[in-house]
N, C-alpha and C. Protein backbone atom coordinates (compact mmCIF):
# COMPACT_ATOMS: atom_id res chain seq x y z
N MET A 1 0.84 -1.18 0.00
CA MET A 1 0.00 0.00 0.00
C MET A 1 0.88 1.24 0.00
N LEU A 2 0.53 2.18 -0.81
CA LEU A 2 1.28 3.43 -0.87
C LEU A 2 0.86 4.33 0.28
N SER A 3 1.79 5.10 0.78
CA SER A 3 1.46 6.04 1.85
C SER A 3 2.43 7.19 1.82
N ASN A 4 2.07 8.23 2.57
CA ASN A 4 3.00 9.34 2.74
C ASN A 4 2.89 9.82 4.16
N SER A 5 3.99 10.30 4.68
CA SER A 5 3.98 10.79 6.05
C SER A 5 5.07 11.83 6.24
N PHE A 6 4.86 12.65 7.25
CA PHE A 6 5.82 13.66 7.64
C PHE A 6 5.86 13.65 9.15
N VAL A 7 7.04 13.52 9.71
CA VAL A 7 7.21 13.53 11.16
C VAL A 7 8.31 14.52 11.49
N LEU A 8 8.04 15.44 12.39
CA LEU A 8 9.05 16.39 12.86
C LEU A 8 9.26 16.12 14.34
N VAL A 9 10.48 15.80 14.72
CA VAL A 9 10.80 15.44 16.09
C VAL A 9 11.90 16.36 16.59
N LEU A 10 11.77 16.83 17.80
CA LEU A 10 12.85 17.56 18.47
C LEU A 10 13.26 16.75 19.67
N ALA A 11 14.54 16.59 19.89
CA ALA A 11 14.99 15.81 21.03
C ALA A 11 16.25 16.42 21.61
N GLY A 12 16.34 16.35 22.91
CA GLY A 12 17.52 16.83 23.58
C GLY A 12 18.58 15.76 23.66
N SER A 13 19.80 16.12 23.36
CA SER A 13 20.99 15.30 23.56
C SER A 13 20.76 13.82 23.28
N HIS A 14 20.62 13.48 22.02
CA HIS A 14 20.38 12.09 21.66
C HIS A 14 21.17 11.71 20.43
N SER A 15 21.20 10.42 20.19
CA SER A 15 21.80 9.94 18.96
C SER A 15 20.69 9.47 18.04
N ILE A 16 20.94 9.50 16.76
CA ILE A 16 19.96 9.05 15.80
C ILE A 16 20.49 7.78 15.16
N THR A 17 19.70 6.73 15.22
CA THR A 17 20.09 5.49 14.57
C THR A 17 19.07 5.19 13.49
N THR A 18 19.52 4.52 12.46
CA THR A 18 18.63 4.25 11.34
C THR A 18 18.89 2.86 10.80
N THR A 19 17.91 2.33 10.13
CA THR A 19 18.09 1.11 9.38
C THR A 19 17.47 1.33 8.01
N ALA A 20 17.84 0.51 7.07
CA ALA A 20 17.36 0.71 5.70
C ALA A 20 15.89 0.39 5.55
N LEU A 21 15.31 -0.47 6.38
CA LEU A 21 13.94 -0.90 6.17
C LEU A 21 12.95 -0.37 7.19
N ALA A 22 13.40 -0.06 8.38
CA ALA A 22 12.50 0.41 9.42
C ALA A 22 12.48 1.93 9.45
N PRO A 23 11.40 2.52 10.00
CA PRO A 23 11.40 3.97 10.16
C PRO A 23 12.59 4.41 10.99
N GLN A 24 13.13 5.54 10.66
CA GLN A 24 14.28 6.08 11.37
C GLN A 24 13.77 6.84 12.58
N SER A 25 14.48 6.76 13.69
CA SER A 25 13.94 7.37 14.89
C SER A 25 15.04 7.79 15.85
N CYS A 26 14.66 8.66 16.77
CA CYS A 26 15.53 9.02 17.88
C CYS A 26 15.44 7.88 18.88
N THR A 27 16.56 7.44 19.39
CA THR A 27 16.53 6.25 20.24
C THR A 27 16.96 6.51 21.67
N SER A 28 17.37 7.70 22.00
CA SER A 28 17.69 8.00 23.39
C SER A 28 17.39 9.46 23.65
N GLY A 29 17.51 9.90 24.89
CA GLY A 29 17.10 11.25 25.22
C GLY A 29 15.59 11.28 25.38
N SER A 30 15.02 12.44 25.24
CA SER A 30 13.57 12.57 25.42
C SER A 30 12.97 13.28 24.21
N PRO A 31 12.68 12.53 23.15
CA PRO A 31 12.15 13.17 21.94
C PRO A 31 10.76 13.76 22.16
N THR A 32 10.50 14.86 21.51
CA THR A 32 9.20 15.52 21.53
C THR A 32 8.68 15.55 20.11
N LEU A 33 7.56 14.90 19.88
CA LEU A 33 6.94 14.90 18.56
C LEU A 33 6.18 16.20 18.39
N LEU A 34 6.60 17.02 17.43
CA LEU A 34 5.92 18.29 17.19
C LEU A 34 4.82 18.17 16.15
N LEU A 35 5.02 17.33 15.15
CA LEU A 35 4.02 17.20 14.09
C LEU A 35 4.14 15.82 13.46
N ASN A 36 3.00 15.19 13.24
CA ASN A 36 2.97 13.91 12.54
C ASN A 36 1.78 13.93 11.59
N LEU A 37 2.04 13.94 10.30
CA LEU A 37 0.99 13.90 9.29
C LEU A 37 1.05 12.56 8.60
N TYR A 38 -0.09 11.91 8.43
CA TYR A 38 -0.12 10.63 7.74
C TYR A 38 -1.22 10.67 6.68
N ASN A 39 -0.84 10.44 5.44
CA ASN A 39 -1.75 10.46 4.29
C ASN A 39 -2.61 11.72 4.23
N PRO A 40 -2.00 12.89 4.33
CA PRO A 40 -2.81 14.11 4.20
C PRO A 40 -3.17 14.35 2.74
N SER A 41 -4.25 15.08 2.53
CA SER A 41 -4.60 15.51 1.18
C SER A 41 -3.52 16.46 0.69
N ALA A 42 -3.46 16.64 -0.62
CA ALA A 42 -2.48 17.58 -1.19
C ALA A 42 -2.70 18.97 -0.59
N PHE A 43 -1.60 19.69 -0.35
CA PHE A 43 -1.72 21.06 0.12
C PHE A 43 -0.51 21.86 -0.34
N SER A 44 -0.74 23.16 -0.55
CA SER A 44 0.35 24.05 -0.92
C SER A 44 1.14 24.38 0.34
N TYR A 45 2.19 25.18 0.19
CA TYR A 45 3.01 25.50 1.36
C TYR A 45 2.14 26.02 2.49
N THR A 46 2.32 25.39 3.64
CA THR A 46 1.57 25.73 4.85
C THR A 46 2.58 26.00 5.95
N TYR A 47 2.33 27.07 6.72
CA TYR A 47 3.23 27.48 7.79
C TYR A 47 2.88 26.73 9.07
N TYR A 48 3.91 26.21 9.75
CA TYR A 48 3.76 25.54 11.04
C TYR A 48 4.71 26.20 12.03
N SER A 49 4.26 26.38 13.27
CA SER A 49 5.09 26.98 14.30
C SER A 49 4.79 26.32 15.64
N TYR A 50 5.85 25.99 16.38
CA TYR A 50 5.72 25.30 17.65
C TYR A 50 6.70 25.89 18.66
N SER A 51 6.30 25.84 19.93
CA SER A 51 7.20 26.21 21.01
C SER A 51 7.76 24.92 21.61
N TYR A 52 9.06 24.92 21.86
CA TYR A 52 9.74 23.76 22.44
C TYR A 52 10.62 24.24 23.57
N THR A 53 10.50 23.62 24.75
CA THR A 53 11.33 23.98 25.90
C THR A 53 12.36 22.87 26.13
N PRO A 54 13.63 23.16 25.87
CA PRO A 54 14.69 22.14 26.00
C PRO A 54 14.94 21.73 27.44
N THR A 55 15.33 20.48 27.60
CA THR A 55 15.70 19.95 28.92
C THR A 55 17.19 19.64 29.00
N THR A 56 17.92 19.91 27.90
CA THR A 56 19.37 19.72 27.86
C THR A 56 19.99 20.92 27.14
N ASN A 57 21.32 21.00 27.13
CA ASN A 57 22.00 22.13 26.50
C ASN A 57 22.22 21.97 25.00
N GLN A 58 21.72 20.88 24.45
CA GLN A 58 21.78 20.69 23.00
C GLN A 58 20.54 19.93 22.57
N ALA A 59 20.00 20.30 21.43
CA ALA A 59 18.84 19.61 20.88
C ALA A 59 19.11 19.30 19.42
N THR A 60 18.32 18.40 18.88
CA THR A 60 18.41 18.04 17.47
C THR A 60 17.02 18.10 16.86
N ILE A 61 16.92 18.77 15.74
CA ILE A 61 15.67 18.75 14.99
C ILE A 61 15.82 17.66 13.93
N MET A 62 14.84 16.76 13.88
CA MET A 62 14.86 15.68 12.90
C MET A 62 13.57 15.74 12.09
N ILE A 63 13.72 15.74 10.79
CA ILE A 63 12.60 15.79 9.88
C ILE A 63 12.58 14.47 9.13
N GLU A 64 11.56 13.68 9.39
CA GLU A 64 11.44 12.35 8.78
C GLU A 64 10.33 12.39 7.73
N LEU A 65 10.62 11.87 6.55
CA LEU A 65 9.71 12.01 5.41
C LEU A 65 9.49 10.70 4.68
N ARG A 66 8.30 10.60 4.09
CA ARG A 66 7.99 9.53 3.13
C ARG A 66 6.83 10.03 2.28
N GLN A 67 6.95 9.88 0.98
CA GLN A 67 5.86 10.28 0.09
C GLN A 67 5.86 9.34 -1.11
N ASP A 68 4.88 8.45 -1.16
CA ASP A 68 4.72 7.52 -2.27
C ASP A 68 3.51 7.97 -3.09
N PRO A 69 3.60 8.29 -4.30
CA PRO A 69 4.73 8.29 -5.20
C PRO A 69 5.22 9.69 -5.54
N SER A 70 4.73 10.71 -4.90
CA SER A 70 5.09 12.09 -5.27
C SER A 70 6.21 12.61 -4.38
N ALA A 71 6.07 13.82 -3.85
CA ALA A 71 7.14 14.41 -3.04
C ALA A 71 6.56 15.32 -1.96
N LEU A 72 7.30 15.43 -0.87
CA LEU A 72 7.05 16.42 0.16
C LEU A 72 8.15 17.47 0.05
N TYR A 73 7.81 18.72 0.29
CA TYR A 73 8.75 19.83 0.18
C TYR A 73 8.74 20.59 1.49
N ILE A 74 9.93 20.89 2.01
CA ILE A 74 10.04 21.67 3.24
C ILE A 74 11.01 22.82 2.99
N ASP A 75 10.70 23.98 3.58
CA ASP A 75 11.52 25.17 3.35
C ASP A 75 11.40 26.10 4.55
N ASP A 76 12.35 27.01 4.63
CA ASP A 76 12.33 28.08 5.64
C ASP A 76 12.22 27.54 7.07
N ILE A 77 13.02 26.53 7.38
CA ILE A 77 13.04 25.96 8.72
C ILE A 77 13.80 26.92 9.63
N SER A 78 13.23 27.19 10.79
CA SER A 78 13.82 28.16 11.70
C SER A 78 13.68 27.68 13.14
N VAL A 79 14.72 27.88 13.93
CA VAL A 79 14.66 27.65 15.37
C VAL A 79 15.20 28.92 16.02
N ILE A 80 14.33 29.65 16.68
CA ILE A 80 14.65 30.97 17.25
C ILE A 80 14.57 30.91 18.77
N ASP A 81 15.60 31.44 19.45
CA ASP A 81 15.58 31.46 20.91
C ASP A 81 14.91 32.73 21.43
N SER A 82 14.87 32.88 22.75
CA SER A 82 14.16 34.00 23.37
C SER A 82 14.80 35.36 23.07
N SER A 83 16.06 35.38 22.64
CA SER A 83 16.70 36.65 22.27
C SER A 83 16.64 36.87 20.75
N ASN A 84 15.78 36.12 20.08
CA ASN A 84 15.55 36.24 18.63
C ASN A 84 16.76 35.81 17.80
N GLN A 85 17.59 34.93 18.34
CA GLN A 85 18.76 34.41 17.63
C GLN A 85 18.40 33.12 16.91
N GLN A 86 18.81 33.03 15.64
CA GLN A 86 18.61 31.81 14.85
C GLN A 86 19.60 30.74 15.33
N LEU A 87 19.10 29.56 15.67
CA LEU A 87 19.96 28.51 16.23
C LEU A 87 20.39 27.46 15.22
N ILE A 88 19.75 27.41 14.05
CA ILE A 88 20.19 26.45 13.03
C ILE A 88 20.71 27.22 11.82
N SER A 89 21.43 26.51 10.98
CA SER A 89 22.01 27.09 9.77
C SER A 89 21.37 26.46 8.54
N ASN A 90 21.26 27.25 7.49
CA ASN A 90 20.80 26.77 6.19
C ASN A 90 19.38 26.19 6.24
N GLY A 91 18.53 26.81 7.04
CA GLY A 91 17.15 26.35 7.15
C GLY A 91 16.33 26.58 5.89
N GLY A 92 16.79 27.47 5.03
CA GLY A 92 16.13 27.71 3.74
C GLY A 92 16.81 26.99 2.60
N PHE A 93 17.86 26.24 2.90
CA PHE A 93 18.62 25.45 1.92
C PHE A 93 19.20 26.32 0.81
N GLU A 94 19.43 27.59 1.11
CA GLU A 94 19.90 28.54 0.09
C GLU A 94 21.36 28.36 -0.28
N THR A 95 22.08 27.46 0.40
CA THR A 95 23.43 27.14 -0.06
C THR A 95 23.36 26.25 -1.30
N GLY A 96 22.16 25.73 -1.59
CA GLY A 96 22.00 24.82 -2.71
C GLY A 96 22.42 23.40 -2.37
N SER A 97 22.69 23.16 -1.10
CA SER A 97 23.11 21.82 -0.65
C SER A 97 22.60 21.61 0.77
N LEU A 98 22.92 20.46 1.34
CA LEU A 98 22.52 20.15 2.71
C LEU A 98 23.56 20.61 3.74
N THR A 99 24.34 21.64 3.41
CA THR A 99 25.30 22.19 4.36
C THR A 99 24.62 22.38 5.71
N SER A 100 25.26 21.93 6.78
CA SER A 100 24.80 22.00 8.17
C SER A 100 23.78 20.92 8.53
N TRP A 101 23.21 20.24 7.58
CA TRP A 101 22.26 19.15 7.83
C TRP A 101 22.97 17.82 7.65
N GLN A 102 22.48 16.81 8.34
CA GLN A 102 22.97 15.45 8.15
C GLN A 102 21.80 14.58 7.70
N ARG A 103 22.14 13.53 6.96
CA ARG A 103 21.12 12.59 6.48
C ARG A 103 21.10 11.35 7.36
N GLY A 104 19.94 10.70 7.40
CA GLY A 104 19.87 9.35 7.95
C GLY A 104 20.53 8.41 6.96
N THR A 105 20.52 7.12 7.26
CA THR A 105 21.19 6.17 6.37
C THR A 105 20.45 5.94 5.07
N VAL A 106 19.16 6.19 5.05
CA VAL A 106 18.37 6.09 3.83
C VAL A 106 18.22 7.50 3.28
N SER A 107 18.44 7.67 2.00
CA SER A 107 18.43 9.01 1.43
C SER A 107 17.59 9.06 0.16
N GLY A 108 16.43 9.72 0.25
CA GLY A 108 15.57 9.83 -0.92
C GLY A 108 15.28 11.26 -1.30
N GLY A 109 15.89 12.21 -0.61
CA GLY A 109 15.61 13.61 -0.87
C GLY A 109 16.83 14.37 -1.31
N SER A 110 16.59 15.59 -1.77
CA SER A 110 17.70 16.44 -2.19
C SER A 110 17.27 17.89 -2.14
N VAL A 111 18.25 18.76 -2.10
CA VAL A 111 17.98 20.19 -2.22
C VAL A 111 17.73 20.47 -3.70
N SER A 112 16.61 21.13 -3.98
CA SER A 112 16.20 21.34 -5.37
C SER A 112 15.80 22.79 -5.59
N SER A 113 15.97 23.25 -6.82
CA SER A 113 15.51 24.59 -7.18
C SER A 113 14.12 24.47 -7.81
N GLY A 114 13.40 25.57 -7.80
CA GLY A 114 12.09 25.59 -8.42
C GLY A 114 10.96 25.12 -7.53
N CYS A 115 11.25 24.78 -6.30
CA CYS A 115 10.19 24.30 -5.39
C CYS A 115 10.13 25.12 -4.11
N ALA A 116 10.87 26.20 -4.03
CA ALA A 116 11.02 26.95 -2.79
C ALA A 116 9.75 27.70 -2.40
N ASN A 117 9.55 27.83 -1.11
CA ASN A 117 8.53 28.74 -0.59
C ASN A 117 9.03 30.17 -0.75
N THR A 118 10.28 30.41 -0.35
CA THR A 118 10.97 31.68 -0.59
C THR A 118 12.38 31.36 -1.06
N GLY A 119 13.03 32.29 -1.70
CA GLY A 119 14.38 32.05 -2.19
C GLY A 119 14.37 31.16 -3.41
N THR A 120 15.44 30.40 -3.58
CA THR A 120 15.62 29.56 -4.77
C THR A 120 15.43 28.08 -4.49
N TYR A 121 15.82 27.62 -3.30
CA TYR A 121 15.89 26.18 -3.02
C TYR A 121 14.93 25.75 -1.91
N CYS A 122 14.61 24.46 -1.93
CA CYS A 122 13.90 23.81 -0.84
C CYS A 122 14.46 22.40 -0.71
N TYR A 123 14.03 21.67 0.30
CA TYR A 123 14.36 20.25 0.40
C TYR A 123 13.17 19.48 -0.14
N ALA A 124 13.39 18.69 -1.18
CA ALA A 124 12.35 17.89 -1.81
C ALA A 124 12.63 16.43 -1.53
N ASP A 125 11.62 15.72 -1.05
CA ASP A 125 11.82 14.33 -0.70
C ASP A 125 10.75 13.47 -1.34
N GLY A 126 11.16 12.52 -2.14
CA GLY A 126 10.23 11.64 -2.82
C GLY A 126 10.54 10.17 -2.60
N ILE A 127 11.08 9.84 -1.43
CA ILE A 127 11.43 8.44 -1.17
C ILE A 127 10.18 7.57 -1.21
N VAL A 128 10.32 6.38 -1.76
CA VAL A 128 9.20 5.46 -1.91
C VAL A 128 9.49 4.19 -1.11
N GLY A 129 8.51 3.72 -0.36
CA GLY A 129 8.62 2.43 0.32
C GLY A 129 9.28 2.45 1.68
N GLN A 130 9.83 3.57 2.09
CA GLN A 130 10.47 3.68 3.39
C GLN A 130 10.60 5.15 3.76
N THR A 131 11.02 5.40 4.99
CA THR A 131 11.22 6.78 5.42
C THR A 131 12.69 7.14 5.37
N ASP A 132 12.96 8.43 5.30
CA ASP A 132 14.32 8.93 5.46
C ASP A 132 14.26 10.21 6.27
N ASN A 133 15.41 10.74 6.65
CA ASN A 133 15.38 11.96 7.45
C ASN A 133 16.59 12.83 7.19
N ILE A 134 16.42 14.09 7.57
CA ILE A 134 17.55 15.01 7.71
C ILE A 134 17.47 15.54 9.13
N HIS A 135 18.61 15.90 9.69
CA HIS A 135 18.62 16.38 11.06
C HIS A 135 19.79 17.34 11.29
N GLN A 136 19.63 18.17 12.31
CA GLN A 136 20.65 19.16 12.66
C GLN A 136 20.59 19.41 14.16
N SER A 137 21.75 19.43 14.81
CA SER A 137 21.83 19.73 16.24
C SER A 137 22.16 21.20 16.44
N PHE A 138 21.73 21.72 17.59
CA PHE A 138 21.96 23.13 17.89
C PHE A 138 22.01 23.32 19.41
N PRO A 139 22.71 24.37 19.87
CA PRO A 139 22.82 24.63 21.31
C PRO A 139 21.53 25.23 21.85
N THR A 140 21.21 24.89 23.10
CA THR A 140 20.02 25.44 23.75
C THR A 140 20.36 25.82 25.19
N VAL A 141 19.43 26.50 25.82
CA VAL A 141 19.52 26.81 27.25
C VAL A 141 18.37 26.06 27.92
N VAL A 142 18.69 25.22 28.89
CA VAL A 142 17.68 24.43 29.58
C VAL A 142 16.59 25.35 30.12
N GLY A 143 15.34 25.00 29.81
CA GLY A 143 14.19 25.75 30.32
C GLY A 143 13.82 26.99 29.54
N SER A 144 14.63 27.39 28.58
CA SER A 144 14.35 28.59 27.78
C SER A 144 13.74 28.18 26.43
N ALA A 145 12.47 28.47 26.26
CA ALA A 145 11.74 28.02 25.07
C ALA A 145 12.33 28.56 23.78
N VAL A 146 12.24 27.74 22.75
CA VAL A 146 12.60 28.15 21.39
C VAL A 146 11.36 28.00 20.52
N THR A 147 11.33 28.75 19.44
CA THR A 147 10.24 28.64 18.48
C THR A 147 10.75 27.93 17.24
N VAL A 148 10.11 26.83 16.90
CA VAL A 148 10.45 26.04 15.72
C VAL A 148 9.38 26.31 14.67
N SER A 149 9.81 26.74 13.49
CA SER A 149 8.82 27.00 12.43
C SER A 149 9.37 26.54 11.09
N PHE A 150 8.46 26.32 10.15
CA PHE A 150 8.83 25.85 8.81
C PHE A 150 7.61 25.92 7.92
N TYR A 151 7.86 25.76 6.63
CA TYR A 151 6.79 25.65 5.63
C TYR A 151 6.88 24.26 5.01
N LEU A 152 5.73 23.61 4.85
CA LEU A 152 5.66 22.27 4.29
C LEU A 152 4.62 22.23 3.18
N ARG A 153 4.94 21.50 2.10
CA ARG A 153 4.01 21.31 0.98
C ARG A 153 3.94 19.83 0.64
N ASN A 154 2.74 19.33 0.39
CA ASN A 154 2.54 17.95 -0.03
C ASN A 154 2.22 17.95 -1.51
N GLY A 155 3.08 17.31 -2.29
CA GLY A 155 2.94 17.32 -3.74
C GLY A 155 1.81 16.48 -4.28
N SER A 156 1.25 15.58 -3.48
CA SER A 156 0.09 14.83 -3.92
C SER A 156 -0.72 14.46 -2.69
N GLY A 157 -1.89 13.98 -2.91
CA GLY A 157 -2.79 13.79 -1.78
C GLY A 157 -2.85 12.39 -1.24
N ASP A 158 -3.97 12.13 -0.60
CA ASP A 158 -4.25 10.85 0.02
C ASP A 158 -4.06 9.74 -0.99
N LEU A 159 -3.26 8.77 -0.64
CA LEU A 159 -2.96 7.70 -1.58
C LEU A 159 -3.70 6.47 -1.18
């Protein structure tokens, strides 16, 4: 059965382990699921914003994707602290590459032009039959909330 999903997880001080066949996940620390979409109808770029209060001095944002048979697009990812400082790099993918981001062991996405919400580039993911992820760690202050925001587009609908 074809399916598509989008999972955004934030976790403090953890490692990410992956396998080629199973969903990729945070396996230690205390992950916080911010958004989980499963088989949503097609939608244009939609803005999402969440508050996250870290419990450690470092956190990792992990974006896990699967879209059979089309693509999910994410752009303008931002993590802002209470002093309005950006905590991640290349959230708009404007370097034209995954600079500052790391991939899970399964890789079905790429930085692409022509799909951006703003600027030139976005991250487009069209992996079929399994999930993959990109992730980035950043420094935090325990107990000081950060705002996580991004734009997401689903290239096709309920499958």
